[in-house]
Amino acid sequence: GFSADLKTLLALSRQPVADAAGIYAPAPDPDDQALEQLIDQLRAQGQRVIRALADTSDAAIDPASLGCDRILQQLNEGWCVQTLDSYAVTQP
C-alpha cells in the first residue's frame, strides 16, 4: 500500500504545465541531408522539432500556432535556428 494526501495531489494536478517551445522545420527537400542531420541533433539535445509535411506550403503555416518560437532557415548552403521575430524580418 501507499499513503497519499489527496488534497495535495489535487493541488498539484491543477498546476499548469508549460510546453517546451518548439522549432518549426520546413520540408523543402526530403533529400536534404544537412536539414535531416540538424533536426536529429536538435532532437538529441532534447529540443522539440515540428516538421512540415512534404506537400505543405510554408506560407500557409503559422509556426507560433504550433507552439514554436523558433524556425529552421536555410542560409548560405546551410541551416540555422532563428527566432520567429528575426525570421519575419528577413522574409520579403
Protein backbone atom coordinates (compact mmCIF):
# COMPACT_ATOMS: atom_id res chain seq x y z
CA GLY A 1 0.00 0.00 0.00
CA PHE A 2 0.88 3.64 -0.01
CA SER A 3 -0.23 6.83 1.64
CA ALA A 4 -1.14 10.00 -0.21
CA ASP A 5 -2.80 13.23 0.75
CA LEU A 6 -5.50 13.64 -1.90
CA LYS A 7 -5.71 17.40 -1.36
CA THR A 8 -2.02 17.74 -2.15
CA LEU A 9 -2.31 15.56 -5.23
CA LEU A 10 -5.33 17.52 -6.44
CA ALA A 11 -3.49 20.83 -5.99
CA LEU A 12 -0.50 19.50 -7.93
CA SER A 13 -2.68 18.27 -10.77
CA ARG A 14 -4.09 21.76 -11.27
CA GLN A 15 -0.69 23.32 -11.85
CA PRO A 16 -0.32 24.49 -15.45
CA VAL A 17 2.26 22.59 -17.40
CA ALA A 18 4.27 24.77 -19.74
CA ASP A 19 5.06 23.09 -23.02
CA ALA A 20 8.60 23.50 -24.19
CA ALA A 21 8.70 25.87 -27.11
CA GLY A 22 9.41 24.13 -30.37
CA ILE A 23 11.36 24.65 -33.54
CA TYR A 24 9.47 24.62 -36.84
CA ALA A 25 11.25 22.78 -39.64
CA PRO A 26 10.10 23.40 -43.21
CA ALA A 27 10.16 20.50 -45.63
CA PRO A 28 11.76 21.88 -48.80
CA ASP A 29 13.51 18.70 -49.95
CA PRO A 30 13.34 15.25 -48.37
CA ASP A 31 16.86 14.53 -49.67
CA ASP A 32 18.41 17.49 -47.81
CA GLN A 33 20.83 15.62 -45.55
CA ALA A 34 22.05 18.79 -43.80
CA LEU A 35 18.50 19.56 -42.66
CA GLU A 36 17.93 15.97 -41.54
CA GLN A 37 21.19 15.96 -39.55
CA LEU A 38 20.37 19.26 -37.84
CA ILE A 39 16.90 18.03 -36.88
CA ASP A 40 18.41 14.82 -35.47
CA GLN A 41 20.98 16.85 -33.47
CA LEU A 42 18.34 19.19 -32.08
CA ARG A 43 16.11 16.30 -31.03
CA ALA A 44 19.09 14.52 -29.43
CA GLN A 45 19.60 17.69 -27.36
CA GLY A 46 16.01 17.44 -26.16
CA GLN A 47 14.59 20.11 -28.46
CA ARG A 48 11.08 19.69 -29.83
CA VAL A 49 11.18 19.94 -33.63
CA ILE A 50 7.94 20.05 -35.63
CA ARG A 51 8.32 19.04 -39.28
CA ALA A 52 6.12 20.35 -42.04
CA LEU A 53 4.56 17.76 -44.28
CA ALA A 54 6.14 17.43 -47.72
CA ASP A 55 3.21 18.98 -49.59
CA THR A 56 2.68 21.86 -47.15
CA SER A 57 3.26 25.44 -48.22
CA ASP A 58 5.29 27.29 -45.60
CA ALA A 59 3.20 30.39 -46.28
CA ALA A 60 0.11 28.51 -45.09
CA ILE A 61 1.65 27.57 -41.74
CA ASP A 62 1.86 29.75 -38.64
CA PRO A 63 4.68 28.19 -36.58
CA ALA A 64 3.58 30.12 -33.47
CA SER A 65 0.18 28.40 -33.59
CA LEU A 66 2.04 25.08 -33.38
CA GLY A 67 3.83 26.19 -30.21
CA CYS A 68 7.07 27.11 -31.96
CA ASP A 69 9.15 30.14 -31.09
CA ARG A 70 11.98 29.32 -33.50
CA ILE A 71 12.32 28.18 -37.08
CA LEU A 72 14.97 26.49 -39.20
CA GLN A 73 16.07 28.73 -42.02
CA GLN A 74 18.40 27.92 -44.91
CA LEU A 75 21.26 30.39 -45.18
CA ASN A 76 24.38 30.12 -47.36
CA GLU A 77 24.11 26.41 -48.14
CA GLY A 78 23.34 25.52 -44.53
CA TRP A 79 20.59 25.58 -41.95
CA CYS A 80 20.37 27.61 -38.75
CA VAL A 81 17.89 28.11 -35.94
CA GLN A 82 16.35 31.59 -35.82
CA THR A 83 13.71 33.14 -33.63
CA LEU A 84 10.39 33.76 -35.32
CA ASP A 85 10.89 37.51 -34.83
CA SER A 86 14.21 37.58 -36.68
CA TYR A 87 12.86 35.21 -39.35
CA ALA A 88 9.89 37.50 -40.04
CA VAL A 89 12.24 40.46 -40.55
CA THR A 90 14.30 38.61 -43.18
CA GLN A 91 11.29 37.45 -45.24
CA PRO A 92 10.09 39.51 -48.22
